[in-house]
PDB file of N, CA and C in Angstrom:
ATOM      1  N   MET A   1      45.176  -3.599  -7.878  1.00  0.00           N
ATOM      2  CA  MET A   1      45.316  -2.775  -9.064  1.00  0.00           C
ATOM      3  C   MET A   1      46.758  -2.852  -9.602  1.00  0.00           C
ATOM      4  N   LEU A   2      47.730  -2.498  -8.779  1.00  0.00           N
ATOM      5  CA  LEU A   2      49.127  -2.544  -9.217  1.00  0.00           C
ATOM      6  C   LEU A   2      49.530  -3.966  -9.578  1.00  0.00           C
ATOM      7  N   GLN A   3      49.073  -4.923  -8.797  1.00  0.00           N
ATOM      8  CA  GLN A   3      49.404  -6.322  -9.056  1.00  0.00           C
ATOM      9  C   GLN A   3      48.912  -6.745 -10.444  1.00  0.00           C
ATOM     10  N   GLY A   4      47.730  -6.323 -10.819  1.00  0.00           N
ATOM     11  CA  GLY A   4      47.180  -6.649 -12.135  1.00  0.00           C
ATOM     12  C   GLY A   4      47.986  -6.030 -13.262  1.00  0.00           C
ATOM     13  N   VAL A   5      48.395  -4.792 -13.091  1.00  0.00           N
ATOM     14  CA  VAL A   5      49.189  -4.102 -14.112  1.00  0.00           C
ATOM     15  C   VAL A   5      50.554  -4.770 -14.266  1.00  0.00           C
ATOM     16  N   LEU A   6      51.177  -5.123 -13.162  1.00  0.00           N
ATOM     17  CA  LEU A   6      52.477  -5.798 -13.224  1.00  0.00           C
ATOM     18  C   LEU A   6      52.355  -7.159 -13.914  1.00  0.00           C
ATOM     19  N   PHE A   7      51.276  -7.875 -13.638  1.00  0.00           N
ATOM     20  CA  PHE A   7      51.069  -9.169 -14.269  1.00  0.00           C
ATOM     21  C   PHE A   7      50.854  -8.996 -15.775  1.00  0.00           C
ATOM     22  N   ASP A   8      50.083  -7.994 -16.170  1.00  0.00           N
ATOM     23  CA  ASP A   8      49.876  -7.714 -17.592  1.00  0.00           C
ATOM     24  C   ASP A   8      51.206  -7.399 -18.280  1.00  0.00           C
ATOM     25  N   ASN A   9      52.060  -6.636 -17.611  1.00  0.00           N
ATOM     26  CA  ASN A   9      53.375  -6.316 -18.172  1.00  0.00           C
ATOM     27  C   ASN A   9      54.219  -7.573 -18.341  1.00  0.00           C
ATOM     28  N   LEU A  10      54.174  -8.462 -17.361  1.00  0.00           N
ATOM     29  CA  LEU A  10      54.909  -9.715 -17.448  1.00  0.00           C
ATOM     30  C   LEU A  10      54.440 -10.539 -18.642  1.00  0.00           C
ATOM     31  N   LEU A  11      53.130 -10.622 -18.837  1.00  0.00           N
ATOM     32  CA  LEU A  11      52.597 -11.374 -19.980  1.00  0.00           C
ATOM     33  C   LEU A  11      53.009 -10.736 -21.307  1.00  0.00           C
ATOM     34  N   LEU A  12      52.991  -9.432 -21.370  1.00  0.00           N
ATOM     35  CA  LEU A  12      53.408  -8.730 -22.583  1.00  0.00           C
ATOM     36  C   LEU A  12      54.870  -9.035 -22.909  1.00  0.00           C
ATOM     37  N   LEU A  13      55.726  -8.991 -21.907  1.00  0.00           N
ATOM     38  CA  LEU A  13      57.141  -9.302 -22.130  1.00  0.00           C
ATOM     39  C   LEU A  13      57.327 -10.749 -22.570  1.00  0.00           C
ATOM     40  N   ALA A  14      56.567 -11.653 -21.978  1.00  0.00           N
ATOM     41  CA  ALA A  14      56.664 -13.067 -22.342  1.00  0.00           C
ATOM     42  C   ALA A  14      56.259 -13.266 -23.801  1.00  0.00           C
ATOM     43  N   ARG A  15      55.208 -12.584 -24.228  1.00  0.00           N
ATOM     44  CA  ARG A  15      54.788 -12.706 -25.631  1.00  0.00           C
ATOM     45  C   ARG A  15      55.812 -12.095 -26.570  1.00  0.00           C
ATOM     46  N   ARG A  16      56.334 -10.946 -26.197  1.00  0.00           N
ATOM     47  CA  ARG A  16      57.282 -10.240 -27.058  1.00  0.00           C
ATOM     48  C   ARG A  16      58.597 -10.991 -27.252  1.00  0.00           C
ATOM     49  N   HIS A  17      59.026 -11.672 -26.209  1.00  0.00           N
ATOM     50  CA  HIS A  17      60.337 -12.336 -26.234  1.00  0.00           C
ATOM     51  C   HIS A  17      60.211 -13.845 -26.033  1.00  0.00           C
ATOM     52  N   ALA A  18      59.165 -14.439 -26.581  1.00  0.00           N
ATOM     53  CA  ALA A  18      58.902 -15.870 -26.379  1.00  0.00           C
ATOM     54  C   ALA A  18      60.060 -16.750 -26.848  1.00  0.00           C
ATOM     55  N   ARG A  19      60.755 -16.331 -27.880  1.00  0.00           N
ATOM     56  CA  ARG A  19      61.849 -17.150 -28.419  1.00  0.00           C
ATOM     57  C   ARG A  19      63.226 -16.611 -28.027  1.00  0.00           C
ATOM     58  N   GLU A  20      63.251 -15.728 -27.037  1.00  0.00           N
ATOM     59  CA  GLU A  20      64.512 -15.139 -26.583  1.00  0.00           C
ATOM     60  C   GLU A  20      64.607 -15.220 -25.059  1.00  0.00           C
ATOM     61  N   PRO A  21      64.791 -16.395 -24.496  1.00  0.00           N
ATOM     62  CA  PRO A  21      64.803 -16.523 -23.027  1.00  0.00           C
ATOM     63  C   PRO A  21      65.920 -15.725 -22.353  1.00  0.00           C
ATOM     64  N   ASP A  22      67.000 -15.421 -23.078  1.00  0.00           N
ATOM     65  CA  ASP A  22      68.092 -14.633 -22.469  1.00  0.00           C
ATOM     66  C   ASP A  22      67.639 -13.212 -22.131  1.00  0.00           C
ATOM     67  N   ARG A  23      66.604 -12.737 -22.791  1.00  0.00           N
ATOM     68  CA  ARG A  23      66.136 -11.368 -22.568  1.00  0.00           C
ATOM     69  C   ARG A  23      65.475 -11.185 -21.210  1.00  0.00           C
ATOM     70  N   LEU A  24      65.133 -12.273 -20.540  1.00  0.00           N
ATOM     71  CA  LEU A  24      64.515 -12.169 -19.223  1.00  0.00           C
ATOM     72  C   LEU A  24      65.367 -11.344 -18.270  1.00  0.00           C
ATOM     73  N   ALA A  25      66.676 -11.503 -18.370  1.00  0.00           N
ATOM     74  CA  ALA A  25      67.592 -10.764 -17.489  1.00  0.00           C
ATOM     75  C   ALA A  25      67.495  -9.255 -17.707  1.00  0.00           C
ATOM     76  N   ASP A  26      67.038  -8.834 -18.875  1.00  0.00           N
ATOM     77  CA  ASP A  26      66.869  -7.403 -19.132  1.00  0.00           C
ATOM     78  C   ASP A  26      65.751  -6.801 -18.290  1.00  0.00           C
ATOM     79  N   TYR A  27      64.808  -7.634 -17.884  1.00  0.00           N
ATOM     80  CA  TYR A  27      63.622  -7.142 -17.192  1.00  0.00           C
ATOM     81  C   TYR A  27      63.472  -7.642 -15.762  1.00  0.00           C
ATOM     82  N   MET A  28      64.076  -8.770 -15.445  1.00  0.00           N
ATOM     83  CA  MET A  28      63.909  -9.371 -14.129  1.00  0.00           C
ATOM     84  C   MET A  28      65.259  -9.523 -13.440  1.00  0.00           C
ATOM     85  N   GLN A  29      65.267  -9.388 -12.133  1.00  0.00           N
ATOM     86  CA  GLN A  29      66.492  -9.555 -11.359  1.00  0.00           C
ATOM     87  C   GLN A  29      66.302 -10.734 -10.408  1.00  0.00           C
ATOM     88  N   GLU A  30      66.880 -11.868 -10.771  1.00  0.00           N
ATOM     89  CA  GLU A  30      66.745 -13.066  -9.944  1.00  0.00           C
ATOM     90  C   GLU A  30      67.229 -12.845  -8.521  1.00  0.00           C
ATOM     91  N   SER A  31      68.224 -11.999  -8.340  1.00  0.00           N
ATOM     92  CA  SER A  31      68.772 -11.769  -7.005  1.00  0.00           C
ATOM     93  C   SER A  31      67.704 -11.228  -6.054  1.00  0.00           C
ATOM     94  N   LEU A  32      66.762 -10.453  -6.567  1.00  0.00           N
ATOM     95  CA  LEU A  32      65.693  -9.940  -5.710  1.00  0.00           C
ATOM     96  C   LEU A  32      64.818 -11.082  -5.205  1.00  0.00           C
ATOM     97  N   LEU A  33      64.587 -12.085  -6.033  1.00  0.00           N
ATOM     98  CA  LEU A  33      63.806 -13.240  -5.596  1.00  0.00           C
ATOM     99  C   LEU A  33      64.565 -14.031  -4.550  1.00  0.00           C
ATOM    100  N   ARG A  34      65.850 -14.222  -4.771  1.00  0.00           N
ATOM    101  CA  ARG A  34      66.651 -14.982  -3.809  1.00  0.00           C
ATOM    102  C   ARG A  34      66.688 -14.261  -2.470  1.00  0.00           C
ATOM    103  N   ASP A  35      66.854 -12.948  -2.486  1.00  0.00           N
ATOM    104  CA  ASP A  35      66.900 -12.191  -1.234  1.00  0.00           C
ATOM    105  C   ASP A  35      65.581 -12.299  -0.480  1.00  0.00           C
ATOM    106  N   ARG A  36      64.463 -12.315  -1.193  1.00  0.00           N
ATOM    107  CA  ARG A  36      63.158 -12.421  -0.548  1.00  0.00           C
ATOM    108  C   ARG A  36      63.032 -13.784   0.139  1.00  0.00           C
ATOM    109  N   VAL A  37      63.453 -14.833  -0.527  1.00  0.00           N
ATOM    110  CA  VAL A  37      63.396 -16.169   0.071  1.00  0.00           C
ATOM    111  C   VAL A  37      64.236 -16.204   1.334  1.00  0.00           C
ATOM    112  N   ARG A  38      65.401 -15.595   1.295  1.00  0.00           N
ATOM    113  CA  ARG A  38      66.277 -15.569   2.470  1.00  0.00           C
ATOM    114  C   ARG A  38      65.604 -14.815   3.615  1.00  0.00           C
ATOM    115  N   ARG A  39      64.943 -13.686   3.313  1.00  0.00           N
ATOM    116  CA  ARG A  39      64.269 -12.916   4.361  1.00  0.00           C
ATOM    117  C   ARG A  39      63.127 -13.721   4.974  1.00  0.00           C
ATOM    118  N   VAL A  40      62.384 -14.431   4.138  1.00  0.00           N
ATOM    119  CA  VAL A  40      61.266 -15.216   4.636  1.00  0.00           C
ATOM    120  C   VAL A  40      61.776 -16.333   5.548  1.00  0.00           C
ATOM    121  N   ARG A  41      62.861 -16.969   5.155  1.00  0.00           N
ATOM    122  CA  ARG A  41      63.412 -18.057   5.965  1.00  0.00           C
ATOM    123  C   ARG A  41      63.900 -17.565   7.316  1.00  0.00           C
ATOM    124  N   LYS A  42      64.420 -16.334   7.351  1.00  0.00           N
ATOM    125  CA  LYS A  42      64.916 -15.789   8.617  1.00  0.00           C
ATOM    126  C   LYS A  42      63.775 -15.338   9.513  1.00  0.00           C
ATOM    127  N   GLY A  43      62.552 -15.304   8.981  1.00  0.00           N
ATOM    128  CA  GLY A  43      61.410 -14.926   9.784  1.00  0.00           C
ATOM    129  C   GLY A  43      61.081 -13.453   9.719  1.00  0.00           C
ATOM    130  N   ALA A  44      61.693 -12.718   8.821  1.00  0.00           N
ATOM    131  CA  ALA A  44      61.403 -11.297   8.680  1.00  0.00           C
ATOM    132  C   ALA A  44      59.997 -11.124   8.096  1.00  0.00           C
ATOM    133  N   ALA A  45      59.370 -10.040   8.436  1.00  0.00           N
ATOM    134  CA  ALA A  45      58.031  -9.777   7.920  1.00  0.00           C
ATOM    135  C   ALA A  45      58.111  -9.419   6.441  1.00  0.00           C
ATOM    136  N   VAL A  46      57.260 -10.051   5.662  1.00  0.00           N
ATOM    137  CA  VAL A  46      57.164  -9.759   4.240  1.00  0.00           C
ATOM    138  C   VAL A  46      55.748  -9.319   3.966  1.00  0.00           C
ATOM    139  N   VAL A  47      55.571  -8.161   3.381  1.00  0.00           N
ATOM    140  CA  VAL A  47      54.243  -7.617   3.119  1.00  0.00           C
ATOM    141  C   VAL A  47      53.764  -8.128   1.766  1.00  0.00           C
ATOM    142  N   THR A  48      52.604  -8.761   1.751  1.00  0.00           N
ATOM    143  CA  THR A  48      51.998  -9.205   0.495  1.00  0.00           C
ATOM    144  C   THR A  48      50.551  -8.776   0.470  1.00  0.00           C
ATOM    145  N   GLU A  49      50.031  -8.655  -0.721  1.00  0.00           N
ATOM    146  CA  GLU A  49      48.610  -8.268  -0.859  1.00  0.00           C
ATOM    147  C   GLU A  49      47.831  -9.338  -1.553  1.00  0.00           C
TER     148      GLU A  49
END
Protein backbone atom coordinates (compact mmCIF):
# COMPACT_ATOMS: atom_id res chain seq x y z
CA MET A 1 0.00 0.00 0.00
CA LEU A 2 2.61 2.58 1.06
CA GLN A 3 4.92 1.45 -1.72
CA GLY A 4 2.21 2.13 -4.30
CA VAL A 5 1.49 5.60 -2.93
CA LEU A 6 5.19 6.51 -2.91
CA PHE A 7 5.55 5.30 -6.50
CA ASP A 8 2.52 7.37 -7.57
CA ASN A 9 4.10 10.42 -5.92
CA LEU A 10 7.36 9.80 -7.76
CA LEU A 11 5.52 9.62 -11.09
CA LEU A 12 3.62 12.82 -10.31
CA LEU A 13 6.86 14.66 -9.55
CA ALA A 14 8.46 13.32 -12.73
CA ARG A 15 5.54 14.59 -14.80
CA ARG A 16 5.45 17.96 -13.06
CA HIS A 17 9.16 18.63 -13.45
CA ALA A 18 9.96 16.72 -16.65
CA ARG A 19 11.98 19.61 -18.06
CA GLU A 20 13.60 20.62 -14.77
CA PRO A 21 16.02 17.84 -13.74
CA ASP A 22 17.65 20.11 -11.11
CA ARG A 23 14.40 19.98 -9.12
CA LEU A 24 15.02 16.33 -8.24
CA ALA A 25 17.23 17.48 -5.37
CA ASP A 26 14.21 19.25 -3.87
CA TYR A 27 12.48 15.91 -3.39
CA MET A 28 15.15 13.21 -3.30
CA GLN A 29 18.28 12.81 -1.20
CA GLU A 30 20.94 10.85 -3.07
CA SER A 31 22.94 10.45 0.14
CA LEU A 32 20.22 8.17 1.52
CA LEU A 33 20.66 5.86 -1.46
CA ARG A 34 24.43 5.83 -1.08
CA ASP A 35 24.15 5.04 2.64
CA ARG A 36 21.81 2.13 1.90
CA VAL A 37 24.27 0.65 -0.61
CA ARG A 38 27.04 0.95 1.96
CA ARG A 39 24.91 -0.82 4.60
CA VAL A 40 24.06 -3.63 2.20
CA ARG A 41 27.72 -4.12 1.29
CA LYS A 42 28.68 -4.34 4.96
CA GLY A 43 26.12 -7.11 5.41
CA ALA A 44 23.70 -5.18 7.60
CA ALA A 45 20.09 -6.28 7.49
CA VAL A 46 17.93 -4.21 5.18
CA VAL A 47 14.17 -4.57 5.47
CA THR A 48 12.30 -4.62 2.16
CA GLU A 49 8.75 -5.49 1.25
